[in-house]
């Protein structure tokens, strides 16, 4: 997944960013709402982590504006506001989950995974794809019962296909998943990672539509 983190606390933001990276996701971290709006115009995100008290405004109006323009990107609120009324306001504004600071980073990881699976129509973390079994929660893959080790970038791309079975994904869409791992993405990065996924999981795991993009295959 590609995650947008909106958090102005430098220490907490760095900890969350590192946790998301460790979980195999890419993350763009901004400290202000105006930067968040710029990021949303420039890229497509699978999930937003939103603090409610930012230097240039409040998170609730930002979330309401997001929903009013038809953006259905999952949003998890991260805040120190712990009153029941605060939770109700956040959820009524369109949040998908609400976590009160301080929170355990492992719990954050679990909630991110849960929200993402619900939005992609697969609340069950276990996926079977021919001889391939995937545990989305544990980010584990097995081929014919044997564990397959994927790098963080390989997992990010494979997860993109799993989230959109049958859907054609362009090279540009896939490159977006890698941008926060590296400042620059090599022009042949997608071809290289797709080739490695095929070597590890089978030649048919990803199909190529020449000149258009890639889609999840039926191995």
C-alpha atoms as a PDB file:
ATOM      1  CA  UNK A   1       0.000   0.000   0.000  1.00  0.00           C
ATOM      2  CA  UNK A   2       0.921   3.637  -0.390  1.00  0.00           C
ATOM      3  CA  UNK A   3       0.076   5.548   2.782  1.00  0.00           C
ATOM      4  CA  UNK A   4      -0.206   9.299   3.384  1.00  0.00           C
ATOM      5  CA  UNK A   5       0.778  10.194   6.963  1.00  0.00           C
ATOM      6  CA  UNK A   6      -0.361  13.636   8.176  1.00  0.00           C
ATOM      7  CA  UNK A   7       1.352  14.186  11.534  1.00  0.00           C
ATOM      8  CA  UNK A   8       3.260  17.224  12.851  1.00  0.00           C
ATOM      9  CA  UNK A   9       4.944  15.522  15.821  1.00  0.00           C
ATOM     10  CA  UNK A  10       8.457  14.773  14.575  1.00  0.00           C
ATOM     11  CA  UNK A  11       9.200  11.913  16.993  1.00  0.00           C
ATOM     12  CA  UNK A  12       5.849  10.157  16.584  1.00  0.00           C
ATOM     13  CA  UNK A  13       5.772  10.763  12.851  1.00  0.00           C
ATOM     14  CA  UNK A  14       9.202   9.186  12.400  1.00  0.00           C
ATOM     15  CA  UNK A  15       8.179   6.168  14.503  1.00  0.00           C
ATOM     16  CA  UNK A  16       4.987   5.656  12.488  1.00  0.00           C
ATOM     17  CA  UNK A  17       6.843   6.107   9.193  1.00  0.00           C
ATOM     18  CA  UNK A  18       9.438   3.522  10.183  1.00  0.00           C
ATOM     19  CA  UNK A  19       6.722   1.092  11.325  1.00  0.00           C
ATOM     20  CA  UNK A  20       4.870   1.407   8.010  1.00  0.00           C
ATOM     21  CA  UNK A  21       8.092   0.859   6.083  1.00  0.00           C
ATOM     22  CA  UNK A  22       8.876  -2.194   8.228  1.00  0.00           C
ATOM     23  CA  UNK A  23       5.431  -3.552   7.392  1.00  0.00           C
ATOM     24  CA  UNK A  24       6.319  -3.428   3.708  1.00  0.00           C
ATOM     25  CA  UNK A  25       4.294  -0.361   2.724  1.00  0.00           C
ATOM     26  CA  UNK A  26       5.416   2.903   1.190  1.00  0.00           C
ATOM     27  CA  UNK A  27       4.624   6.135   3.017  1.00  0.00           C
ATOM     28  CA  UNK A  28       4.650   9.874   2.305  1.00  0.00           C
ATOM     29  CA  UNK A  29       4.852  11.937   5.494  1.00  0.00           C
ATOM     30  CA  UNK A  30       3.661  15.560   5.643  1.00  0.00           C
ATOM     31  CA  UNK A  31       3.376  17.903   8.627  1.00  0.00           C
ATOM     32  CA  UNK A  32       0.663  20.266   7.390  1.00  0.00           C
ATOM     33  CA  UNK A  33      -2.773  20.082   5.790  1.00  0.00           C
ATOM     34  CA  UNK A  34      -1.762  22.232   2.838  1.00  0.00           C
ATOM     35  CA  UNK A  35       1.051  19.774   2.099  1.00  0.00           C
ATOM     36  CA  UNK A  36      -1.441  16.922   2.432  1.00  0.00           C
ATOM     37  CA  UNK A  37      -3.719  18.498  -0.181  1.00  0.00           C
ATOM     38  CA  UNK A  38      -0.748  18.889  -2.516  1.00  0.00           C
ATOM     39  CA  UNK A  39       0.198  15.246  -1.996  1.00  0.00           C
ATOM     40  CA  UNK A  40      -3.361  14.081  -2.744  1.00  0.00           C
ATOM     41  CA  UNK A  41      -3.324  16.017  -6.011  1.00  0.00           C
ATOM     42  CA  UNK A  42      -0.004  14.479  -7.012  1.00  0.00           C
ATOM     43  CA  UNK A  43      -0.549  10.814  -6.096  1.00  0.00           C
ATOM     44  CA  UNK A  44      -3.112   8.116  -5.356  1.00  0.00           C
ATOM     45  CA  UNK A  45      -3.113   6.695  -1.828  1.00  0.00           C
ATOM     46  CA  UNK A  46      -4.541   3.499  -0.394  1.00  0.00           C
ATOM     47  CA  UNK A  47      -4.897   4.910   3.120  1.00  0.00           C
ATOM     48  CA  UNK A  48      -4.537   8.187   5.038  1.00  0.00           C
ATOM     49  CA  UNK A  49      -3.366   8.490   8.656  1.00  0.00           C
ATOM     50  CA  UNK A  50      -4.682  11.810   9.951  1.00  0.00           C
ATOM     51  CA  UNK A  51      -3.771  13.796  13.067  1.00  0.00           C
ATOM     52  CA  UNK A  52      -6.547  16.182  14.126  1.00  0.00           C
ATOM     53  CA  UNK A  53      -4.450  19.089  15.423  1.00  0.00           C
ATOM     54  CA  UNK A  54      -2.155  20.401  12.695  1.00  0.00           C
ATOM     55  CA  UNK A  55      -0.217  23.710  12.567  1.00  0.00           C
ATOM     56  CA  UNK A  56      -2.411  25.089   9.761  1.00  0.00           C
ATOM     57  CA  UNK A  57      -5.792  23.746  10.788  1.00  0.00           C
ATOM     58  CA  UNK A  58      -7.963  20.956  12.157  1.00  0.00           C
ATOM     59  CA  UNK A  59      -8.270  17.463  10.754  1.00  0.00           C
ATOM     60  CA  UNK A  60     -12.071  17.187  10.906  1.00  0.00           C
ATOM     61  CA  UNK A  61     -12.795  19.960   8.336  1.00  0.00           C
ATOM     62  CA  UNK A  62     -10.057  18.467   6.144  1.00  0.00           C
ATOM     63  CA  UNK A  63     -11.726  15.048   6.352  1.00  0.00           C
ATOM     64  CA  UNK A  64     -15.186  16.477   5.655  1.00  0.00           C
ATOM     65  CA  UNK A  65     -13.847  18.288   2.589  1.00  0.00           C
ATOM     66  CA  UNK A  66     -12.208  15.075   1.425  1.00  0.00           C
ATOM     67  CA  UNK A  67     -15.487  13.168   1.656  1.00  0.00           C
ATOM     68  CA  UNK A  68     -17.571  16.001   0.170  1.00  0.00           C
ATOM     69  CA  UNK A  69     -15.608  15.823  -3.066  1.00  0.00           C
ATOM     70  CA  UNK A  70     -16.198  12.087  -3.317  1.00  0.00           C
ATOM     71  CA  UNK A  71     -12.806  10.838  -2.135  1.00  0.00           C
ATOM     72  CA  UNK A  72     -13.354   7.447  -0.484  1.00  0.00           C
ATOM     73  CA  UNK A  73      -9.737   6.790   0.504  1.00  0.00           C
ATOM     74  CA  UNK A  74      -9.741   5.023   3.914  1.00  0.00           C
ATOM     75  CA  UNK A  75      -8.835   7.363   6.778  1.00  0.00           C
ATOM     76  CA  UNK A  76      -7.584   6.389  10.231  1.00  0.00           C
ATOM     77  CA  UNK A  77      -7.546   9.246  12.736  1.00  0.00           C
ATOM     78  CA  UNK A  78      -4.566   9.415  15.130  1.00  0.00           C
ATOM     79  CA  UNK A  79      -5.135  11.922  17.923  1.00  0.00           C
ATOM     80  CA  UNK A  80      -4.747  12.752  21.595  1.00  0.00           C
ATOM     81  CA  UNK A  81      -8.422  13.778  21.734  1.00  0.00           C
ATOM     82  CA  UNK A  82      -9.937  10.944  23.742  1.00  0.00           C
ATOM     83  CA  UNK A  83     -13.483  12.023  24.569  1.00  0.00           C
ATOM     84  CA  UNK A  84     -16.390   9.955  23.262  1.00  0.00           C
ATOM     85  CA  UNK A  85     -17.712  13.094  21.565  1.00  0.00           C
ATOM     86  CA  UNK A  86     -14.400  13.445  19.713  1.00  0.00           C
ATOM     87  CA  UNK A  87     -14.615   9.870  18.477  1.00  0.00           C
ATOM     88  CA  UNK A  88     -18.188  10.387  17.330  1.00  0.00           C
ATOM     89  CA  UNK A  89     -17.239  13.579  15.474  1.00  0.00           C
ATOM     90  CA  UNK A  90     -14.366  11.832  13.730  1.00  0.00           C
ATOM     91  CA  UNK A  91     -16.377   8.812  12.681  1.00  0.00           C
ATOM     92  CA  UNK A  92     -19.330  10.939  11.578  1.00  0.00           C
ATOM     93  CA  UNK A  93     -16.989  13.061   9.468  1.00  0.00           C
ATOM     94  CA  UNK A  94     -16.051   9.974   7.498  1.00  0.00           C
ATOM     95  CA  UNK A  95     -13.169   8.315   9.347  1.00  0.00           C
ATOM     96  CA  UNK A  96     -12.868   4.534   9.126  1.00  0.00           C
ATOM     97  CA  UNK A  97     -11.079   4.105  12.438  1.00  0.00           C
ATOM     98  CA  UNK A  98      -9.993   6.228  15.402  1.00  0.00           C
ATOM     99  CA  UNK A  99      -6.890   5.672  17.531  1.00  0.00           C
ATOM    100  CA  UNK A 100      -6.041   7.652  20.657  1.00  0.00           C
ATOM    101  CA  UNK A 101      -2.420   8.580  21.380  1.00  0.00           C
ATOM    102  CA  UNK A 102      -0.349   7.060  22.787  1.00  0.00           C
ATOM    103  CA  UNK A 103      -0.962   3.790  20.969  1.00  0.00           C
ATOM    104  CA  UNK A 104       0.983   0.627  20.287  1.00  0.00           C
ATOM    105  CA  UNK A 105       2.610   0.603  16.842  1.00  0.00           C
ATOM    106  CA  UNK A 106       1.803  -3.092  16.392  1.00  0.00           C
ATOM    107  CA  UNK A 107      -1.876  -2.304  16.940  1.00  0.00           C
ATOM    108  CA  UNK A 108      -1.620   0.490  14.365  1.00  0.00           C
ATOM    109  CA  UNK A 109      -0.218  -2.006  11.868  1.00  0.00           C
ATOM    110  CA  UNK A 110      -3.114  -4.384  12.536  1.00  0.00           C
ATOM    111  CA  UNK A 111      -5.700  -1.643  12.126  1.00  0.00           C
ATOM    112  CA  UNK A 112      -4.126  -0.403   8.899  1.00  0.00           C
ATOM    113  CA  UNK A 113      -4.302  -3.915   7.489  1.00  0.00           C
ATOM    114  CA  UNK A 114      -7.883  -4.413   8.642  1.00  0.00           C
ATOM    115  CA  UNK A 115      -9.137  -1.154   7.122  1.00  0.00           C
ATOM    116  CA  UNK A 116      -7.302  -1.806   3.854  1.00  0.00           C
ATOM    117  CA  UNK A 117      -8.758  -5.309   3.525  1.00  0.00           C
ATOM    118  CA  UNK A 118     -12.298  -4.055   4.131  1.00  0.00           C
ATOM    119  CA  UNK A 119     -11.951  -1.422   1.450  1.00  0.00           C
ATOM    120  CA  UNK A 120     -10.618  -3.872  -1.093  1.00  0.00           C
ATOM    121  CA  UNK A 121     -13.490  -6.299  -0.518  1.00  0.00           C
ATOM    122  CA  UNK A 122     -11.487  -9.001   1.227  1.00  0.00           C
ATOM    123  CA  UNK A 123     -11.811  -8.892   5.026  1.00  0.00           C
ATOM    124  CA  UNK A 124     -10.254 -12.369   5.189  1.00  0.00           C
ATOM    125  CA  UNK A 125      -6.453 -11.933   5.392  1.00  0.00           C
ATOM    126  CA  UNK A 126      -5.831 -15.326   3.721  1.00  0.00           C
ATOM    127  CA  UNK A 127      -5.913 -15.416  -0.084  1.00  0.00           C
ATOM    128  CA  UNK A 128      -5.512 -18.514  -2.253  1.00  0.00           C
ATOM    129  CA  UNK A 129      -4.290 -17.998  -5.786  1.00  0.00           C
ATOM    130  CA  UNK A 130      -3.787 -21.377  -7.411  1.00  0.00           C
ATOM    131  CA  UNK A 131      -0.801 -22.946  -5.674  1.00  0.00           C
ATOM    132  CA  UNK A 132      -0.001 -19.627  -3.972  1.00  0.00           C
ATOM    133  CA  UNK A 133      -1.257 -18.792  -0.479  1.00  0.00           C
ATOM    134  CA  UNK A 134      -0.963 -15.260   0.876  1.00  0.00           C
ATOM    135  CA  UNK A 135      -1.478 -14.039   4.438  1.00  0.00           C
ATOM    136  CA  UNK A 136      -2.094 -10.312   4.034  1.00  0.00           C
ATOM    137  CA  UNK A 137      -1.947  -9.643   7.776  1.00  0.00           C
ATOM    138  CA  UNK A 138       1.410 -11.382   8.245  1.00  0.00           C
ATOM    139  CA  UNK A 139       2.650 -10.362   4.780  1.00  0.00           C
ATOM    140  CA  UNK A 140       3.676 -13.950   4.141  1.00  0.00           C
ATOM    141  CA  UNK A 141       3.588 -15.907   0.899  1.00  0.00           C
ATOM    142  CA  UNK A 142       3.775 -19.646   0.265  1.00  0.00           C
ATOM    143  CA  UNK A 143       4.132 -21.496  -3.021  1.00  0.00           C
ATOM    144  CA  UNK A 144       3.007 -25.132  -2.860  1.00  0.00           C
ATOM    145  CA  UNK A 145       3.348 -24.970   0.926  1.00  0.00           C
ATOM    146  CA  UNK A 146       6.868 -23.547   0.923  1.00  0.00           C
ATOM    147  CA  UNK A 147       7.566 -20.038   2.222  1.00  0.00           C
ATOM    148  CA  UNK A 148       8.616 -17.491  -0.392  1.00  0.00           C
ATOM    149  CA  UNK A 149      10.608 -14.467   0.752  1.00  0.00           C
ATOM    150  CA  UNK A 150       9.713 -11.215  -0.994  1.00  0.00           C
ATOM    151  CA  UNK A 151      11.620  -7.962  -0.641  1.00  0.00           C
ATOM    152  CA  UNK A 152       9.715  -4.893   0.567  1.00  0.00           C
ATOM    153  CA  UNK A 153       9.391  -3.558  -2.983  1.00  0.00           C
ATOM    154  CA  UNK A 154       8.310  -6.926  -4.377  1.00  0.00           C
ATOM    155  CA  UNK A 155       5.655  -7.182  -1.680  1.00  0.00           C
ATOM    156  CA  UNK A 156       4.353  -3.661  -2.358  1.00  0.00           C
ATOM    157  CA  UNK A 157       3.859  -4.465  -6.042  1.00  0.00           C
ATOM    158  CA  UNK A 158       2.395  -7.929  -5.425  1.00  0.00           C
ATOM    159  CA  UNK A 159      -0.025  -6.463  -2.894  1.00  0.00           C
ATOM    160  CA  UNK A 160      -1.148  -3.897  -5.472  1.00  0.00           C
ATOM    161  CA  UNK A 161      -2.174  -6.738  -7.796  1.00  0.00           C
ATOM    162  CA  UNK A 162      -3.861  -8.684  -4.989  1.00  0.00           C
ATOM    163  CA  UNK A 163      -5.910  -5.637  -4.022  1.00  0.00           C
ATOM    164  CA  UNK A 164      -7.209  -5.261  -7.586  1.00  0.00           C
ATOM    165  CA  UNK A 165      -7.635  -8.758  -9.026  1.00  0.00           C
ATOM    166  CA  UNK A 166      -8.339  -8.697 -12.736  1.00  0.00           C
ATOM    167  CA  UNK A 167      -7.704  -4.966 -12.996  1.00  0.00           C
ATOM    168  CA  UNK A 168      -5.064  -3.677 -15.379  1.00  0.00           C
ATOM    169  CA  UNK A 169      -2.461  -1.544 -13.596  1.00  0.00           C
ATOM    170  CA  UNK A 170      -0.328   0.816 -15.630  1.00  0.00           C
ATOM    171  CA  UNK A 171       3.397   1.155 -15.168  1.00  0.00           C
ATOM    172  CA  UNK A 172       2.840   4.670 -13.778  1.00  0.00           C
ATOM    173  CA  UNK A 173       0.374   3.364 -11.178  1.00  0.00           C
ATOM    174  CA  UNK A 174       2.850   0.736 -10.048  1.00  0.00           C
ATOM    175  CA  UNK A 175       5.740   3.214  -9.964  1.00  0.00           C
ATOM    176  CA  UNK A 176       3.745   5.344  -7.508  1.00  0.00           C
ATOM    177  CA  UNK A 177       3.966   2.457  -5.040  1.00  0.00           C
ATOM    178  CA  UNK A 178       7.757   2.709  -5.033  1.00  0.00           C
ATOM    179  CA  UNK A 179       8.302   6.453  -4.872  1.00  0.00           C
ATOM    180  CA  UNK A 180       8.620   6.767  -1.105  1.00  0.00           C
ATOM    181  CA  UNK A 181      11.159   3.942  -0.973  1.00  0.00           C
ATOM    182  CA  UNK A 182      13.596   5.826  -3.196  1.00  0.00           C
ATOM    183  CA  UNK A 183      13.995   9.428  -4.259  1.00  0.00           C
ATOM    184  CA  UNK A 184      14.159   8.266  -7.866  1.00  0.00           C
ATOM    185  CA  UNK A 185      12.609   5.185  -9.408  1.00  0.00           C
ATOM    186  CA  UNK A 186      14.634   3.615 -12.219  1.00  0.00           C
ATOM    187  CA  UNK A 187      12.867   3.557 -15.567  1.00  0.00           C
ATOM    188  CA  UNK A 188      12.981  -0.252 -15.648  1.00  0.00           C
ATOM    189  CA  UNK A 189      12.184  -0.820 -11.939  1.00  0.00           C
ATOM    190  CA  UNK A 190       8.713  -2.251 -12.583  1.00  0.00           C
ATOM    191  CA  UNK A 191       9.946  -4.659 -15.246  1.00  0.00           C
ATOM    192  CA  UNK A 192      12.733  -5.825 -12.917  1.00  0.00           C
ATOM    193  CA  UNK A 193      10.424  -6.443  -9.949  1.00  0.00           C
ATOM    194  CA  UNK A 194       7.740  -8.119 -12.062  1.00  0.00           C
ATOM    195  CA  UNK A 195      10.413 -10.417 -13.484  1.00  0.00           C
ATOM    196  CA  UNK A 196      11.586 -11.316  -9.968  1.00  0.00           C
ATOM    197  CA  UNK A 197       8.023 -11.994  -8.818  1.00  0.00           C
ATOM    198  CA  UNK A 198       7.540 -14.352 -11.762  1.00  0.00           C
ATOM    199  CA  UNK A 199      10.745 -16.191 -10.925  1.00  0.00           C
ATOM    200  CA  UNK A 200       9.676 -16.629  -7.299  1.00  0.00           C
ATOM    201  CA  UNK A 201       5.952 -17.309  -7.791  1.00  0.00           C
ATOM    202  CA  UNK A 202       5.618 -18.642 -11.322  1.00  0.00           C
ATOM    203  CA  UNK A 203       5.630 -17.191 -14.818  1.00  0.00           C
ATOM    204  CA  UNK A 204       1.834 -16.807 -14.909  1.00  0.00           C
ATOM    205  CA  UNK A 205       1.423 -14.927 -11.630  1.00  0.00           C
ATOM    206  CA  UNK A 206       1.452 -11.563 -13.426  1.00  0.00           C
ATOM    207  CA  UNK A 207       0.175 -11.049 -16.965  1.00  0.00           C
ATOM    208  CA  UNK A 208       1.467  -8.363 -19.314  1.00  0.00           C
ATOM    209  CA  UNK A 209      -0.750  -6.309 -21.604  1.00  0.00           C
ATOM    210  CA  UNK A 210       1.898  -4.958 -23.937  1.00  0.00           C
ATOM    211  CA  UNK A 211       1.974  -1.178 -23.954  1.00  0.00           C
ATOM    212  CA  UNK A 212      -0.807  -0.960 -21.360  1.00  0.00           C
ATOM    213  CA  UNK A 213       0.332  -2.514 -18.105  1.00  0.00           C
ATOM    214  CA  UNK A 214       0.069  -5.592 -15.911  1.00  0.00           C
ATOM    215  CA  UNK A 215      -2.614  -7.564 -14.100  1.00  0.00           C
ATOM    216  CA  UNK A 216      -2.788 -10.430 -11.632  1.00  0.00           C
ATOM    217  CA  UNK A 217      -2.686 -13.749 -13.456  1.00  0.00           C
ATOM    218  CA  UNK A 218      -4.168 -17.152 -12.719  1.00  0.00           C
ATOM    219  CA  UNK A 219      -1.243 -19.413 -11.861  1.00  0.00           C
END
